[in-house]
Amino acid sequence: MGVLSTLQIGRPILQLSTGYFLPSYGPETIIIVALTSSTLIYFKINQNSLLGNYLKRSFFNF
């Protein structure tokens, strides 16, 4: 997959994926994952929240 976009820190997003998160978070919660050349970032989003406010954002550097 080609470069889709860039993060605010200027790193290109190599891959963007979405899907439902673990059942313990409820069926309304989805996850969005963005992979750059050195970072994996994921957002847990509650589908019922106004304007898609994210619940948690995590960074993994490698």
PDB file of N, CA and C in Angstrom:
ATOM      1  N   MET A   1       0.849  -1.169   0.000  1.00  0.00           N
ATOM      2  CA  MET A   1       0.000   0.000   0.000  1.00  0.00           C
ATOM      3  C   MET A   1       0.892   1.229   0.000  1.00  0.00           C
ATOM      4  N   GLY A   2       0.567   2.222  -0.749  1.00  0.00           N
ATOM      5  CA  GLY A   2       1.367   3.433  -0.821  1.00  0.00           C
ATOM      6  C   GLY A   2       1.146   4.339   0.373  1.00  0.00           C
ATOM      7  N   VAL A   3       1.793   5.441   0.341  1.00  0.00           N
ATOM      8  CA  VAL A   3       1.654   6.419   1.419  1.00  0.00           C
ATOM      9  C   VAL A   3       0.265   7.045   1.333  1.00  0.00           C
ATOM     10  N   LEU A   4      -0.492   6.988   2.424  1.00  0.00           N
ATOM     11  CA  LEU A   4      -1.849   7.517   2.439  1.00  0.00           C
ATOM     12  C   LEU A   4      -1.899   8.968   2.887  1.00  0.00           C
ATOM     13  N   SER A   5      -1.100   9.302   3.863  1.00  0.00           N
ATOM     14  CA  SER A   5      -1.155  10.624   4.466  1.00  0.00           C
ATOM     15  C   SER A   5       0.085  10.794   5.323  1.00  0.00           C
ATOM     16  N   THR A   6       0.155  11.900   6.037  1.00  0.00           N
ATOM     17  CA  THR A   6       1.242  12.094   6.987  1.00  0.00           C
ATOM     18  C   THR A   6       0.665  12.457   8.336  1.00  0.00           C
ATOM     19  N   LEU A   7       1.392  12.104   9.384  1.00  0.00           N
ATOM     20  CA  LEU A   7       1.015  12.491  10.730  1.00  0.00           C
ATOM     21  C   LEU A   7       1.444  13.926  10.962  1.00  0.00           C
ATOM     22  N   GLN A   8       0.985  14.534  12.043  1.00  0.00           N
ATOM     23  CA  GLN A   8       1.371  15.905  12.356  1.00  0.00           C
ATOM     24  C   GLN A   8       2.868  16.032  12.583  1.00  0.00           C
ATOM     25  N   ILE A   9       3.518  14.940  12.952  1.00  0.00           N
ATOM     26  CA  ILE A   9       4.964  14.979  13.175  1.00  0.00           C
ATOM     27  C   ILE A   9       5.729  14.798  11.870  1.00  0.00           C
ATOM     28  N   GLY A  10       5.015  14.678  10.749  1.00  0.00           N
ATOM     29  CA  GLY A  10       5.652  14.640   9.447  1.00  0.00           C
ATOM     30  C   GLY A  10       6.041  13.270   8.939  1.00  0.00           C
ATOM     31  N   ARG A  11       5.692  12.210   9.646  1.00  0.00           N
ATOM     32  CA  ARG A  11       6.022  10.860   9.189  1.00  0.00           C
ATOM     33  C   ARG A  11       4.916  10.341   8.280  1.00  0.00           C
ATOM     34  N   PRO A  12       5.259   9.760   7.154  1.00  0.00           N
ATOM     35  CA  PRO A  12       4.217   9.231   6.268  1.00  0.00           C
ATOM     36  C   PRO A  12       3.558   7.990   6.862  1.00  0.00           C
ATOM     37  N   ILE A  13       2.249   7.873   6.676  1.00  0.00           N
ATOM     38  CA  ILE A  13       1.525   6.682   7.113  1.00  0.00           C
ATOM     39  C   ILE A  13       1.684   5.627   6.029  1.00  0.00           C
ATOM     40  N   LEU A  14       2.244   4.480   6.394  1.00  0.00           N
ATOM     41  CA  LEU A  14       2.464   3.405   5.442  1.00  0.00           C
ATOM     42  C   LEU A  14       1.230   2.530   5.274  1.00  0.00           C
ATOM     43  N   GLN A  15       0.497   2.330   6.368  1.00  0.00           N
ATOM     44  CA  GLN A  15      -0.692   1.490   6.305  1.00  0.00           C
ATOM     45  C   GLN A  15      -1.691   1.981   7.339  1.00  0.00           C
ATOM     46  N   LEU A  16      -2.967   1.962   6.981  1.00  0.00           N
ATOM     47  CA  LEU A  16      -4.044   2.379   7.866  1.00  0.00           C
ATOM     48  C   LEU A  16      -5.072   1.264   7.891  1.00  0.00           C
ATOM     49  N   SER A  17      -5.422   0.777   9.082  1.00  0.00           N
ATOM     50  CA  SER A  17      -6.367  -0.328   9.207  1.00  0.00           C
ATOM     51  C   SER A  17      -7.434   0.023  10.227  1.00  0.00           C
ATOM     52  N   THR A  18      -8.628  -0.553  10.071  1.00  0.00           N
ATOM     53  CA  THR A  18      -9.701  -0.371  11.040  1.00  0.00           C
ATOM     54  C   THR A  18     -10.308  -1.725  11.366  1.00  0.00           C
ATOM     55  N   GLY A  19     -10.965  -1.815  12.514  1.00  0.00           N
ATOM     56  CA  GLY A  19     -11.636  -3.042  12.893  1.00  0.00           C
ATOM     57  C   GLY A  19     -12.225  -2.907  14.277  1.00  0.00           C
ATOM     58  N   TYR A  20     -13.001  -3.888  14.686  1.00  0.00           N
ATOM     59  CA  TYR A  20     -13.594  -3.868  16.013  1.00  0.00           C
ATOM     60  C   TYR A  20     -12.562  -4.285  17.037  1.00  0.00           C
ATOM     61  N   PHE A  21     -12.611  -3.643  18.204  1.00  0.00           N
ATOM     62  CA  PHE A  21     -11.658  -3.937  19.263  1.00  0.00           C
ATOM     63  C   PHE A  21     -12.160  -5.119  20.086  1.00  0.00           C
ATOM     64  N   LEU A  22     -11.441  -5.442  21.137  1.00  0.00           N
ATOM     65  CA  LEU A  22     -11.771  -6.587  21.987  1.00  0.00           C
ATOM     66  C   LEU A  22     -13.199  -6.478  22.521  1.00  0.00           C
ATOM     67  N   PRO A  23     -13.920  -7.603  22.601  1.00  0.00           N
ATOM     68  CA  PRO A  23     -15.312  -7.571  23.059  1.00  0.00           C
ATOM     69  C   PRO A  23     -15.492  -6.948  24.439  1.00  0.00           C
ATOM     70  N   SER A  24     -14.469  -6.982  25.288  1.00  0.00           N
ATOM     71  CA  SER A  24     -14.604  -6.422  26.630  1.00  0.00           C
ATOM     72  C   SER A  24     -14.852  -4.922  26.601  1.00  0.00           C
ATOM     73  N   TYR A  25     -14.538  -4.263  25.482  1.00  0.00           N
ATOM     74  CA  TYR A  25     -14.790  -2.835  25.359  1.00  0.00           C
ATOM     75  C   TYR A  25     -16.175  -2.541  24.804  1.00  0.00           C
ATOM     76  N   GLY A  26     -16.918  -3.550  24.428  1.00  0.00           N
ATOM     77  CA  GLY A  26     -18.260  -3.357  23.909  1.00  0.00           C
ATOM     78  C   GLY A  26     -18.295  -3.283  22.399  1.00  0.00           C
ATOM     79  N   PRO A  27     -19.452  -3.575  21.811  1.00  0.00           N
ATOM     80  CA  PRO A  27     -19.569  -3.616  20.351  1.00  0.00           C
ATOM     81  C   PRO A  27     -19.478  -2.248  19.692  1.00  0.00           C
ATOM     82  N   GLU A  28     -19.601  -1.167  20.476  1.00  0.00           N
ATOM     83  CA  GLU A  28     -19.569   0.170  19.892  1.00  0.00           C
ATOM     84  C   GLU A  28     -18.153   0.683  19.690  1.00  0.00           C
ATOM     85  N   THR A  29     -17.152  -0.058  20.145  1.00  0.00           N
ATOM     86  CA  THR A  29     -15.780   0.425  20.095  1.00  0.00           C
ATOM     87  C   THR A  29     -15.037  -0.166  18.903  1.00  0.00           C
ATOM     88  N   ILE A  30     -14.414   0.701  18.110  1.00  0.00           N
ATOM     89  CA  ILE A  30     -13.589   0.258  16.995  1.00  0.00           C
ATOM     90  C   ILE A  30     -12.163   0.738  17.222  1.00  0.00           C
ATOM     91  N   ILE A  31     -11.258   0.207  16.465  1.00  0.00           N
ATOM     92  CA  ILE A  31      -9.861   0.606  16.569  1.00  0.00           C
ATOM     93  C   ILE A  31      -9.372   1.032  15.190  1.00  0.00           C
ATOM     94  N   ILE A  32      -8.577   2.082  15.167  1.00  0.00           N
ATOM     95  CA  ILE A  32      -7.914   2.536  13.945  1.00  0.00           C
ATOM     96  C   ILE A  32      -6.423   2.494  14.207  1.00  0.00           C
ATOM     97  N   VAL A  33      -5.680   1.840  13.329  1.00  0.00           N
ATOM     98  CA  VAL A  33      -4.237   1.681  13.492  1.00  0.00           C
ATOM     99  C   VAL A  33      -3.533   2.379  12.333  1.00  0.00           C
ATOM    100  N   ALA A  34      -2.521   3.178  12.661  1.00  0.00           N
ATOM    101  CA  ALA A  34      -1.694   3.841  11.649  1.00  0.00           C
ATOM    102  C   ALA A  34      -0.257   3.384  11.840  1.00  0.00           C
ATOM    103  N   LEU A  35       0.357   2.870  10.783  1.00  0.00           N
ATOM    104  CA  LEU A  35       1.727   2.379  10.833  1.00  0.00           C
ATOM    105  C   LEU A  35       2.623   3.308  10.027  1.00  0.00           C
ATOM    106  N   THR A  36       3.681   3.810  10.671  1.00  0.00           N
ATOM    107  CA  THR A  36       4.696   4.587   9.964  1.00  0.00           C
ATOM    108  C   THR A  36       5.965   3.750   9.926  1.00  0.00           C
ATOM    109  N   SER A  37       7.036   4.309   9.402  1.00  0.00           N
ATOM    110  CA  SER A  37       8.284   3.552   9.316  1.00  0.00           C
ATOM    111  C   SER A  37       8.894   3.279  10.681  1.00  0.00           C
ATOM    112  N   SER A  38       8.522   4.037  11.709  1.00  0.00           N
ATOM    113  CA  SER A  38       9.129   3.835  13.027  1.00  0.00           C
ATOM    114  C   SER A  38       8.121   3.841  14.169  1.00  0.00           C
ATOM    115  N   THR A  39       6.832   3.965  13.895  1.00  0.00           N
ATOM    116  CA  THR A  39       5.833   4.100  14.951  1.00  0.00           C
ATOM    117  C   THR A  39       4.549   3.376  14.571  1.00  0.00           C
ATOM    118  N   LEU A  40       3.927   2.745  15.571  1.00  0.00           N
ATOM    119  CA  LEU A  40       2.587   2.185  15.427  1.00  0.00           C
ATOM    120  C   LEU A  40       1.682   2.971  16.370  1.00  0.00           C
ATOM    121  N   ILE A  41       0.652   3.601  15.844  1.00  0.00           N
ATOM    122  CA  ILE A  41      -0.258   4.417  16.638  1.00  0.00           C
ATOM    123  C   ILE A  41      -1.647   3.821  16.504  1.00  0.00           C
ATOM    124  N   TYR A  42      -2.346   3.671  17.636  1.00  0.00           N
ATOM    125  CA  TYR A  42      -3.722   3.209  17.509  1.00  0.00           C
ATOM    126  C   TYR A  42      -4.661   4.083  18.328  1.00  0.00           C
ATOM    127  N   PHE A  43      -5.872   4.203  17.819  1.00  0.00           N
ATOM    128  CA  PHE A  43      -6.924   4.972  18.457  1.00  0.00           C
ATOM    129  C   PHE A  43      -8.089   4.034  18.729  1.00  0.00           C
ATOM    130  N   LYS A  44      -8.607   4.034  19.962  1.00  0.00           N
ATOM    131  CA  LYS A  44      -9.839   3.320  20.266  1.00  0.00           C
ATOM    132  C   LYS A  44     -10.953   4.357  20.232  1.00  0.00           C
ATOM    133  N   ILE A  45     -11.945   4.124  19.407  1.00  0.00           N
ATOM    134  CA  ILE A  45     -13.000   5.112  19.188  1.00  0.00           C
ATOM    135  C   ILE A  45     -14.349   4.513  19.548  1.00  0.00           C
ATOM    136  N   ASN A  46     -15.122   5.246  20.334  1.00  0.00           N
ATOM    137  CA  ASN A  46     -16.475   4.835  20.664  1.00  0.00           C
ATOM    138  C   ASN A  46     -17.397   5.382  19.590  1.00  0.00           C
ATOM    139  N   GLN A  47     -18.101   4.506  18.880  1.00  0.00           N
ATOM    140  CA  GLN A  47     -18.966   4.924  17.777  1.00  0.00           C
ATOM    141  C   GLN A  47     -20.117   5.799  18.248  1.00  0.00           C
ATOM    142  N   ASN A  48     -20.482   5.720  19.530  1.00  0.00           N
ATOM    143  CA  ASN A  48     -21.591   6.513  20.046  1.00  0.00           C
ATOM    144  C   ASN A  48     -21.156   7.905  20.493  1.00  0.00           C
ATOM    145  N   SER A  49     -19.859   8.156  20.561  1.00  0.00           N
ATOM    146  CA  SER A  49     -19.398   9.457  21.036  1.00  0.00           C
ATOM    147  C   SER A  49     -19.569  10.518  19.956  1.00  0.00           C
ATOM    148  N   LEU A  50     -19.848  11.718  20.376  1.00  0.00           N
ATOM    149  CA  LEU A  50     -20.077  12.828  19.452  1.00  0.00           C
ATOM    150  C   LEU A  50     -18.808  13.159  18.688  1.00  0.00           C
ATOM    151  N   LEU A  51     -18.899  13.259  17.384  1.00  0.00           N
ATOM    152  CA  LEU A  51     -17.793  13.614  16.491  1.00  0.00           C
ATOM    153  C   LEU A  51     -16.614  12.655  16.572  1.00  0.00           C
ATOM    154  N   GLY A  52     -16.841  11.432  17.018  1.00  0.00           N
ATOM    155  CA  GLY A  52     -15.790  10.420  17.029  1.00  0.00           C
ATOM    156  C   GLY A  52     -14.647  10.719  17.969  1.00  0.00           C
ATOM    157  N   ASN A  53     -14.936  11.256  19.149  1.00  0.00           N
ATOM    158  CA  ASN A  53     -13.867  11.507  20.114  1.00  0.00           C
ATOM    159  C   ASN A  53     -13.190  10.201  20.477  1.00  0.00           C
ATOM    160  N   TYR A  54     -11.863  10.185  20.472  1.00  0.00           N
ATOM    161  CA  TYR A  54     -11.171   8.941  20.766  1.00  0.00           C
ATOM    162  C   TYR A  54     -11.064   8.739  22.271  1.00  0.00           C
ATOM    163  N   LEU A  55     -11.064   7.474  22.683  1.00  0.00           N
ATOM    164  CA  LEU A  55     -10.966   7.126  24.089  1.00  0.00           C
ATOM    165  C   LEU A  55      -9.520   6.992  24.531  1.00  0.00           C
ATOM    166  N   LYS A  56      -8.675   6.498  23.664  1.00  0.00           N
ATOM    167  CA  LYS A  56      -7.278   6.267  24.028  1.00  0.00           C
ATOM    168  C   LYS A  56      -6.431   6.326  22.771  1.00  0.00           C
ATOM    169  N   ARG A  57      -5.253   6.888  22.902  1.00  0.00           N
ATOM    170  CA  ARG A  57      -4.302   6.918  21.791  1.00  0.00           C
ATOM    171  C   ARG A  57      -2.980   6.402  22.329  1.00  0.00           C
ATOM    172  N   SER A  58      -2.382   5.458  21.652  1.00  0.00           N
ATOM    173  CA  SER A  58      -1.133   4.863  22.112  1.00  0.00           C
ATOM    174  C   SER A  58      -0.103   4.877  21.000  1.00  0.00           C
ATOM    175  N   PHE A  59       1.160   5.026  21.388  1.00  0.00           N
ATOM    176  CA  PHE A  59       2.276   5.048  20.450  1.00  0.00           C
ATOM    177  C   PHE A  59       3.232   3.911  20.785  1.00  0.00           C
ATOM    178  N   PHE A  60       3.722   3.228  19.783  1.00  0.00           N
ATOM    179  CA  PHE A  60       4.764   2.224  19.942  1.00  0.00           C
ATOM    180  C   PHE A  60       5.878   2.574  18.977  1.00  0.00           C
ATOM    181  N   ASN A  61       7.042   2.898  19.501  1.00  0.00           N
ATOM    182  CA  ASN A  61       8.186   3.220  18.644  1.00  0.00           C
ATOM    183  C   ASN A  61       9.058   1.990  18.465  1.00  0.00           C
ATOM    184  N   PHE A  62       9.546   1.790  17.256  1.00  0.00           N
ATOM    185  CA  PHE A  62      10.452   0.671  16.991  1.00  0.00           C
ATOM    186  C   PHE A  62      11.479   1.086  15.983  1.00  0.00           C
TER     187      PHE A  62
END
